[in-house]
Amino acid sequence: MTANAIATLLPKWVKTSKYVEISGFSSEALKKKRLSGIWIEGVHWKTGPDKNVYYNWREIDGWVENGYKQAANGH
């Protein structure tokens, strides 16, 4: 399966364990980016109704491509 096919199958929001698996970020790195405000709540991450943290991998990919400029613009 190609990377594009896998991306098409993934939901927009994924739990921490899945994002660690697909991104290579450690759970500690994710938490640091969340708590330090590098990633914006509601854009890059959010707490679901089940109290789990979810990551929007599409927005984080954009952050990787565009850097802090994207986060500073609020999207």
PDB file of N, CA and C in Angstrom:
ATOM      1  N   MET A   1       0.843  -1.174   0.000  1.00  0.00           N
ATOM      2  CA  MET A   1       0.000   0.000   0.000  1.00  0.00           C
ATOM      3  C   MET A   1       0.890   1.239   0.000  1.00  0.00           C
ATOM      4  N   THR A   2       0.553   2.232  -0.803  1.00  0.00           N
ATOM      5  CA  THR A   2       1.357   3.445  -0.896  1.00  0.00           C
ATOM      6  C   THR A   2       1.049   4.387   0.259  1.00  0.00           C
ATOM      7  N   ALA A   3       1.931   5.365   0.461  1.00  0.00           N
ATOM      8  CA  ALA A   3       1.733   6.350   1.523  1.00  0.00           C
ATOM      9  C   ALA A   3       0.445   7.127   1.294  1.00  0.00           C
ATOM     10  N   ASN A   4       0.132   7.463   0.037  1.00  0.00           N
ATOM     11  CA  ASN A   4      -1.098   8.189  -0.256  1.00  0.00           C
ATOM     12  C   ASN A   4      -2.327   7.358   0.084  1.00  0.00           C
ATOM     13  N   ALA A   5      -2.265   6.069  -0.190  1.00  0.00           N
ATOM     14  CA  ALA A   5      -3.393   5.189   0.121  1.00  0.00           C
ATOM     15  C   ALA A   5      -3.604   5.096   1.628  1.00  0.00           C
ATOM     16  N   ILE A   6      -2.522   5.016   2.368  1.00  0.00           N
ATOM     17  CA  ILE A   6      -2.622   4.964   3.832  1.00  0.00           C
ATOM     18  C   ILE A   6      -3.196   6.264   4.362  1.00  0.00           C
ATOM     19  N   ALA A   7      -2.724   7.402   3.853  1.00  0.00           N
ATOM     20  CA  ALA A   7      -3.227   8.703   4.288  1.00  0.00           C
ATOM     21  C   ALA A   7      -4.714   8.838   4.008  1.00  0.00           C
ATOM     22  N   THR A   8      -5.167   8.313   2.898  1.00  0.00           N
ATOM     23  CA  THR A   8      -6.576   8.378   2.549  1.00  0.00           C
ATOM     24  C   THR A   8      -7.419   7.583   3.543  1.00  0.00           C
ATOM     25  N   LEU A   9      -6.872   6.510   4.076  1.00  0.00           N
ATOM     26  CA  LEU A   9      -7.611   5.654   4.996  1.00  0.00           C
ATOM     27  C   LEU A   9      -7.645   6.177   6.426  1.00  0.00           C
ATOM     28  N   LEU A  10      -6.696   7.026   6.789  1.00  0.00           N
ATOM     29  CA  LEU A  10      -6.637   7.524   8.158  1.00  0.00           C
ATOM     30  C   LEU A  10      -7.706   8.575   8.410  1.00  0.00           C
ATOM     31  N   PRO A  11      -8.334   8.530   9.580  1.00  0.00           N
ATOM     32  CA  PRO A  11      -9.241   9.622   9.932  1.00  0.00           C
ATOM     33  C   PRO A  11      -8.435  10.891  10.187  1.00  0.00           C
ATOM     34  N   LYS A  12      -9.108  12.021  10.152  1.00  0.00           N
ATOM     35  CA  LYS A  12      -8.454  13.310  10.376  1.00  0.00           C
ATOM     36  C   LYS A  12      -7.817  13.375  11.765  1.00  0.00           C
ATOM     37  N   TRP A  13      -8.512  12.889  12.772  1.00  0.00           N
ATOM     38  CA  TRP A  13      -8.040  12.922  14.155  1.00  0.00           C
ATOM     39  C   TRP A  13      -7.671  11.512  14.595  1.00  0.00           C
ATOM     40  N   VAL A  14      -6.455  11.349  15.138  1.00  0.00           N
ATOM     41  CA  VAL A  14      -6.011  10.037  15.609  1.00  0.00           C
ATOM     42  C   VAL A  14      -5.517  10.153  17.047  1.00  0.00           C
ATOM     43  N   LYS A  15      -5.676   9.070  17.801  1.00  0.00           N
ATOM     44  CA  LYS A  15      -5.193   9.031  19.185  1.00  0.00           C
ATOM     45  C   LYS A  15      -3.669   9.091  19.215  1.00  0.00           C
ATOM     46  N   THR A  16      -3.154   9.431  20.383  1.00  0.00           N
ATOM     47  CA  THR A  16      -1.713   9.566  20.585  1.00  0.00           C
ATOM     48  C   THR A  16      -0.962   8.328  20.112  1.00  0.00           C
ATOM     49  N   SER A  17      -1.418   7.148  20.493  1.00  0.00           N
ATOM     50  CA  SER A  17      -0.688   5.921  20.142  1.00  0.00           C
ATOM     51  C   SER A  17      -0.576   5.739  18.631  1.00  0.00           C
ATOM     52  N   LYS A  18      -1.618   6.066  17.897  1.00  0.00           N
ATOM     53  CA  LYS A  18      -1.589   5.946  16.441  1.00  0.00           C
ATOM     54  C   LYS A  18      -0.674   7.005  15.837  1.00  0.00           C
ATOM     55  N   TYR A  19      -0.733   8.232  16.376  1.00  0.00           N
ATOM     56  CA  TYR A  19       0.120   9.285  15.826  1.00  0.00           C
ATOM     57  C   TYR A  19       1.598   8.998  16.093  1.00  0.00           C
ATOM     58  N   VAL A  20       1.904   8.445  17.246  1.00  0.00           N
ATOM     59  CA  VAL A  20       3.286   8.033  17.535  1.00  0.00           C
ATOM     60  C   VAL A  20       3.739   7.010  16.494  1.00  0.00           C
ATOM     61  N   GLU A  21       2.875   6.068  16.184  1.00  0.00           N
ATOM     62  CA  GLU A  21       3.188   5.008  15.217  1.00  0.00           C
ATOM     63  C   GLU A  21       3.441   5.559  13.820  1.00  0.00           C
ATOM     64  N   ILE A  22       2.607   6.481  13.363  1.00  0.00           N
ATOM     65  CA  ILE A  22       2.730   6.943  11.973  1.00  0.00           C
ATOM     66  C   ILE A  22       3.708   8.096  11.790  1.00  0.00           C
ATOM     67  N   SER A  23       4.005   8.831  12.867  1.00  0.00           N
ATOM     68  CA  SER A  23       4.829  10.034  12.716  1.00  0.00           C
ATOM     69  C   SER A  23       6.285   9.868  13.108  1.00  0.00           C
ATOM     70  N   GLY A  24       6.529   8.987  14.055  1.00  0.00           N
ATOM     71  CA  GLY A  24       7.886   8.881  14.583  1.00  0.00           C
ATOM     72  C   GLY A  24       8.137   9.798  15.772  1.00  0.00           C
ATOM     73  N   PHE A  25       7.213  10.724  16.074  1.00  0.00           N
ATOM     74  CA  PHE A  25       7.325  11.544  17.279  1.00  0.00           C
ATOM     75  C   PHE A  25       7.105  10.639  18.490  1.00  0.00           C
ATOM     76  N   SER A  26       7.795  10.905  19.576  1.00  0.00           N
ATOM     77  CA  SER A  26       7.521  10.174  20.818  1.00  0.00           C
ATOM     78  C   SER A  26       6.307  10.802  21.494  1.00  0.00           C
ATOM     79  N   SER A  27       5.679  10.061  22.382  1.00  0.00           N
ATOM     80  CA  SER A  27       4.536  10.627  23.107  1.00  0.00           C
ATOM     81  C   SER A  27       4.980  11.807  23.970  1.00  0.00           C
ATOM     82  N   GLU A  28       6.215  11.774  24.453  1.00  0.00           N
ATOM     83  CA  GLU A  28       6.742  12.889  25.246  1.00  0.00           C
ATOM     84  C   GLU A  28       6.899  14.138  24.388  1.00  0.00           C
ATOM     85  N   ALA A  29       7.361  13.976  23.146  1.00  0.00           N
ATOM     86  CA  ALA A  29       7.511  15.121  22.236  1.00  0.00           C
ATOM     87  C   ALA A  29       6.148  15.725  21.900  1.00  0.00           C
ATOM     88  N   LEU A  30       5.153  14.867  21.697  1.00  0.00           N
ATOM     89  CA  LEU A  30       3.810  15.356  21.409  1.00  0.00           C
ATOM     90  C   LEU A  30       3.280  16.175  22.580  1.00  0.00           C
ATOM     91  N   LYS A  31       3.451  15.649  23.773  1.00  0.00           N
ATOM     92  CA  LYS A  31       2.978  16.338  24.976  1.00  0.00           C
ATOM     93  C   LYS A  31       3.676  17.689  25.137  1.00  0.00           C
ATOM     94  N   LYS A  32       4.970  17.724  24.888  1.00  0.00           N
ATOM     95  CA  LYS A  32       5.735  18.974  25.014  1.00  0.00           C
ATOM     96  C   LYS A  32       5.228  20.024  24.026  1.00  0.00           C
ATOM     97  N   LYS A  33       4.978  19.625  22.784  1.00  0.00           N
ATOM     98  CA  LYS A  33       4.485  20.569  21.785  1.00  0.00           C
ATOM     99  C   LYS A  33       3.083  21.073  22.157  1.00  0.00           C
ATOM    100  N   ARG A  34       2.279  20.199  22.715  1.00  0.00           N
ATOM    101  CA  ARG A  34       0.936  20.565  23.151  1.00  0.00           C
ATOM    102  C   ARG A  34       0.981  21.556  24.307  1.00  0.00           C
ATOM    103  N   LEU A  35       1.696  21.179  25.368  1.00  0.00           N
ATOM    104  CA  LEU A  35       1.707  21.981  26.591  1.00  0.00           C
ATOM    105  C   LEU A  35       2.457  23.301  26.444  1.00  0.00           C
ATOM    106  N   SER A  36       3.433  23.351  25.547  1.00  0.00           N
ATOM    107  CA  SER A  36       4.187  24.593  25.360  1.00  0.00           C
ATOM    108  C   SER A  36       3.488  25.563  24.415  1.00  0.00           C
ATOM    109  N   GLY A  37       2.405  25.110  23.784  1.00  0.00           N
ATOM    110  CA  GLY A  37       1.667  25.993  22.876  1.00  0.00           C
ATOM    111  C   GLY A  37       2.199  26.017  21.462  1.00  0.00           C
ATOM    112  N   ILE A  38       3.184  25.161  21.166  1.00  0.00           N
ATOM    113  CA  ILE A  38       3.689  25.095  19.798  1.00  0.00           C
ATOM    114  C   ILE A  38       2.574  24.642  18.865  1.00  0.00           C
ATOM    115  N   TRP A  39       1.795  23.668  19.312  1.00  0.00           N
ATOM    116  CA  TRP A  39       0.633  23.209  18.553  1.00  0.00           C
ATOM    117  C   TRP A  39      -0.615  23.774  19.198  1.00  0.00           C
ATOM    118  N   ILE A  40      -1.539  24.222  18.385  1.00  0.00           N
ATOM    119  CA  ILE A  40      -2.730  24.936  18.823  1.00  0.00           C
ATOM    120  C   ILE A  40      -3.874  23.961  19.113  1.00  0.00           C
ATOM    121  N   GLU A  41      -4.467  24.130  20.292  1.00  0.00           N
ATOM    122  CA  GLU A  41      -5.616  23.298  20.652  1.00  0.00           C
ATOM    123  C   GLU A  41      -6.771  23.582  19.689  1.00  0.00           C
ATOM    124  N   GLY A  42      -7.403  22.532  19.215  1.00  0.00           N
ATOM    125  CA  GLY A  42      -8.498  22.660  18.264  1.00  0.00           C
ATOM    126  C   GLY A  42      -8.050  22.671  16.816  1.00  0.00           C
ATOM    127  N   VAL A  43      -6.758  22.892  16.604  1.00  0.00           N
ATOM    128  CA  VAL A  43      -6.191  22.855  15.250  1.00  0.00           C
ATOM    129  C   VAL A  43      -5.307  21.631  15.108  1.00  0.00           C
ATOM    130  N   HIS A  44      -4.268  21.558  15.935  1.00  0.00           N
ATOM    131  CA  HIS A  44      -3.311  20.458  15.865  1.00  0.00           C
ATOM    132  C   HIS A  44      -3.664  19.305  16.804  1.00  0.00           C
ATOM    133  N   TRP A  45      -4.347  19.616  17.882  1.00  0.00           N
ATOM    134  CA  TRP A  45      -4.722  18.591  18.863  1.00  0.00           C
ATOM    135  C   TRP A  45      -6.003  19.010  19.583  1.00  0.00           C
ATOM    136  N   LYS A  46      -6.677  18.045  20.183  1.00  0.00           N
ATOM    137  CA  LYS A  46      -7.830  18.338  21.019  1.00  0.00           C
ATOM    138  C   LYS A  46      -8.098  17.157  21.938  1.00  0.00           C
ATOM    139  N   THR A  47      -8.833  17.441  22.995  1.00  0.00           N
ATOM    140  CA  THR A  47      -9.275  16.388  23.899  1.00  0.00           C
ATOM    141  C   THR A  47     -10.678  15.981  23.468  1.00  0.00           C
ATOM    142  N   GLY A  48     -10.847  14.688  23.214  1.00  0.00           N
ATOM    143  CA  GLY A  48     -12.134  14.174  22.770  1.00  0.00           C
ATOM    144  C   GLY A  48     -13.103  14.005  23.927  1.00  0.00           C
ATOM    145  N   PRO A  49     -14.355  13.704  23.620  1.00  0.00           N
ATOM    146  CA  PRO A  49     -15.362  13.505  24.662  1.00  0.00           C
ATOM    147  C   PRO A  49     -15.040  12.323  25.579  1.00  0.00           C
ATOM    148  N   ASP A  50     -14.160  11.430  25.112  1.00  0.00           N
ATOM    149  CA  ASP A  50     -13.737  10.285  25.930  1.00  0.00           C
ATOM    150  C   ASP A  50     -12.501  10.610  26.764  1.00  0.00           C
ATOM    151  N   LYS A  51     -12.095  11.883  26.753  1.00  0.00           N
ATOM    152  CA  LYS A  51     -10.944  12.398  27.520  1.00  0.00           C
ATOM    153  C   LYS A  51      -9.585  11.971  26.948  1.00  0.00           C
ATOM    154  N   ASN A  52      -9.557  11.318  25.805  1.00  0.00           N
ATOM    155  CA  ASN A  52      -8.303  11.003  25.126  1.00  0.00           C
ATOM    156  C   ASN A  52      -7.854  12.206  24.310  1.00  0.00           C
ATOM    157  N   VAL A  53      -6.535  12.345  24.152  1.00  0.00           N
ATOM    158  CA  VAL A  53      -5.982  13.401  23.301  1.00  0.00           C
ATOM    159  C   VAL A  53      -5.909  12.864  21.882  1.00  0.00           C
ATOM    160  N   TYR A  54      -6.369  13.682  20.935  1.00  0.00           N
ATOM    161  CA  TYR A  54      -6.340  13.338  19.512  1.00  0.00           C
ATOM    162  C   TYR A  54      -5.497  14.361  18.769  1.00  0.00           C
ATOM    163  N   TYR A  55      -4.810  13.898  17.727  1.00  0.00           N
ATOM    164  CA  TYR A  55      -3.965  14.761  16.909  1.00  0.00           C
ATOM    165  C   TYR A  55      -4.489  14.794  15.485  1.00  0.00           C
ATOM    166  N   ASN A  56      -4.510  15.989  14.907  1.00  0.00           N
ATOM    167  CA  ASN A  56      -4.911  16.184  13.521  1.00  0.00           C
ATOM    168  C   ASN A  56      -3.637  16.096  12.686  1.00  0.00           C
ATOM    169  N   TRP A  57      -3.374  14.920  12.172  1.00  0.00           N
ATOM    170  CA  TRP A  57      -2.111  14.680  11.467  1.00  0.00           C
ATOM    171  C   TRP A  57      -1.982  15.545  10.217  1.00  0.00           C
ATOM    172  N   ARG A  58      -3.076  15.914   9.603  1.00  0.00           N
ATOM    173  CA  ARG A  58      -3.008  16.749   8.392  1.00  0.00           C
ATOM    174  C   ARG A  58      -2.494  18.146   8.729  1.00  0.00           C
ATOM    175  N   GLU A  59      -3.007  18.713   9.812  1.00  0.00           N
ATOM    176  CA  GLU A  59      -2.540  20.036  10.237  1.00  0.00           C
ATOM    177  C   GLU A  59      -1.093  19.986  10.723  1.00  0.00           C
ATOM    178  N   ILE A  60      -0.726  18.912  11.390  1.00  0.00           N
ATOM    179  CA  ILE A  60       0.658  18.786  11.863  1.00  0.00           C
ATOM    180  C   ILE A  60       1.604  18.628  10.687  1.00  0.00           C
ATOM    181  N   ASP A  61       1.189  17.913   9.650  1.00  0.00           N
ATOM    182  CA  ASP A  61       2.013  17.841   8.437  1.00  0.00           C
ATOM    183  C   ASP A  61       2.235  19.234   7.860  1.00  0.00           C
ATOM    184  N   GLY A  62       1.196  20.050   7.868  1.00  0.00           N
ATOM    185  CA  GLY A  62       1.330  21.433   7.401  1.00  0.00           C
ATOM    186  C   GLY A  62       2.291  22.218   8.266  1.00  0.00           C
ATOM    187  N   TRP A  63       2.233  21.987   9.571  1.00  0.00           N
ATOM    188  CA  TRP A  63       3.162  22.647  10.489  1.00  0.00           C
ATOM    189  C   TRP A  63       4.600  22.232  10.167  1.00  0.00           C
ATOM    190  N   VAL A  64       4.806  20.955   9.889  1.00  0.00           N
ATOM    191  CA  VAL A  64       6.146  20.470   9.548  1.00  0.00           C
ATOM    192  C   VAL A  64       6.633  21.169   8.276  1.00  0.00           C
ATOM    193  N   GLU A  65       5.762  21.302   7.299  1.00  0.00           N
ATOM    194  CA  GLU A  65       6.145  21.937   6.034  1.00  0.00           C
ATOM    195  C   GLU A  65       6.363  23.431   6.164  1.00  0.00           C
ATOM    196  N   ASN A  66       5.541  24.106   6.987  1.00  0.00           N
ATOM    197  CA  ASN A  66       5.577  25.563   7.065  1.00  0.00           C
ATOM    198  C   ASN A  66       6.184  26.118   8.343  1.00  0.00           C
ATOM    199  N   GLY A  67       6.429  25.266   9.307  1.00  0.00           N
ATOM    200  CA  GLY A  67       7.069  25.680  10.549  1.00  0.00           C
ATOM    201  C   GLY A  67       6.200  26.554  11.430  1.00  0.00           C
ATOM    202  N   TYR A  68       6.860  27.342  12.272  1.00  0.00           N
ATOM    203  CA  TYR A  68       6.173  28.161  13.255  1.00  0.00           C
ATOM    204  C   TYR A  68       5.284  29.211  12.616  1.00  0.00           C
ATOM    205  N   LYS A  69       5.579  29.582  11.374  1.00  0.00           N
ATOM    206  CA  LYS A  69       4.790  30.576  10.667  1.00  0.00           C
ATOM    207  C   LYS A  69       3.306  30.168  10.655  1.00  0.00           C
ATOM    208  N   GLN A  70       3.034  28.896  10.414  1.00  0.00           N
ATOM    209  CA  GLN A  70       1.666  28.392  10.364  1.00  0.00           C
ATOM    210  C   GLN A  70       1.000  28.529  11.730  1.00  0.00           C
ATOM    211  N   ALA A  71       1.670  28.104  12.789  1.00  0.00           N
ATOM    212  CA  ALA A  71       1.103  28.158  14.133  1.00  0.00           C
ATOM    213  C   ALA A  71       0.857  29.604  14.548  1.00  0.00           C
ATOM    214  N   ALA A  72       1.758  30.506  14.211  1.00  0.00           N
ATOM    215  CA  ALA A  72       1.616  31.906  14.569  1.00  0.00           C
ATOM    216  C   ALA A  72       0.417  32.543  13.879  1.00  0.00           C
ATOM    217  N   ASN A  73       0.098  32.089  12.686  1.00  0.00           N
ATOM    218  CA  ASN A  73      -1.052  32.603  11.956  1.00  0.00           C
ATOM    219  C   ASN A  73      -2.352  31.995  12.441  1.00  0.00           C
ATOM    220  N   GLY A  74      -2.278  31.067  13.380  1.00  0.00           N
ATOM    221  CA  GLY A  74      -3.467  30.456  13.928  1.00  0.00           C
ATOM    222  C   GLY A  74      -4.027  29.342  13.085  1.00  0.00           C
ATOM    223  N   HIS A  75      -3.279  28.939  12.024  1.00  0.00           N
ATOM    224  CA  HIS A  75      -3.745  27.821  11.208  1.00  0.00           C
ATOM    225  C   HIS A  75      -2.725  27.445  10.176  1.00  0.00           C
TER     226      HIS A  75
END
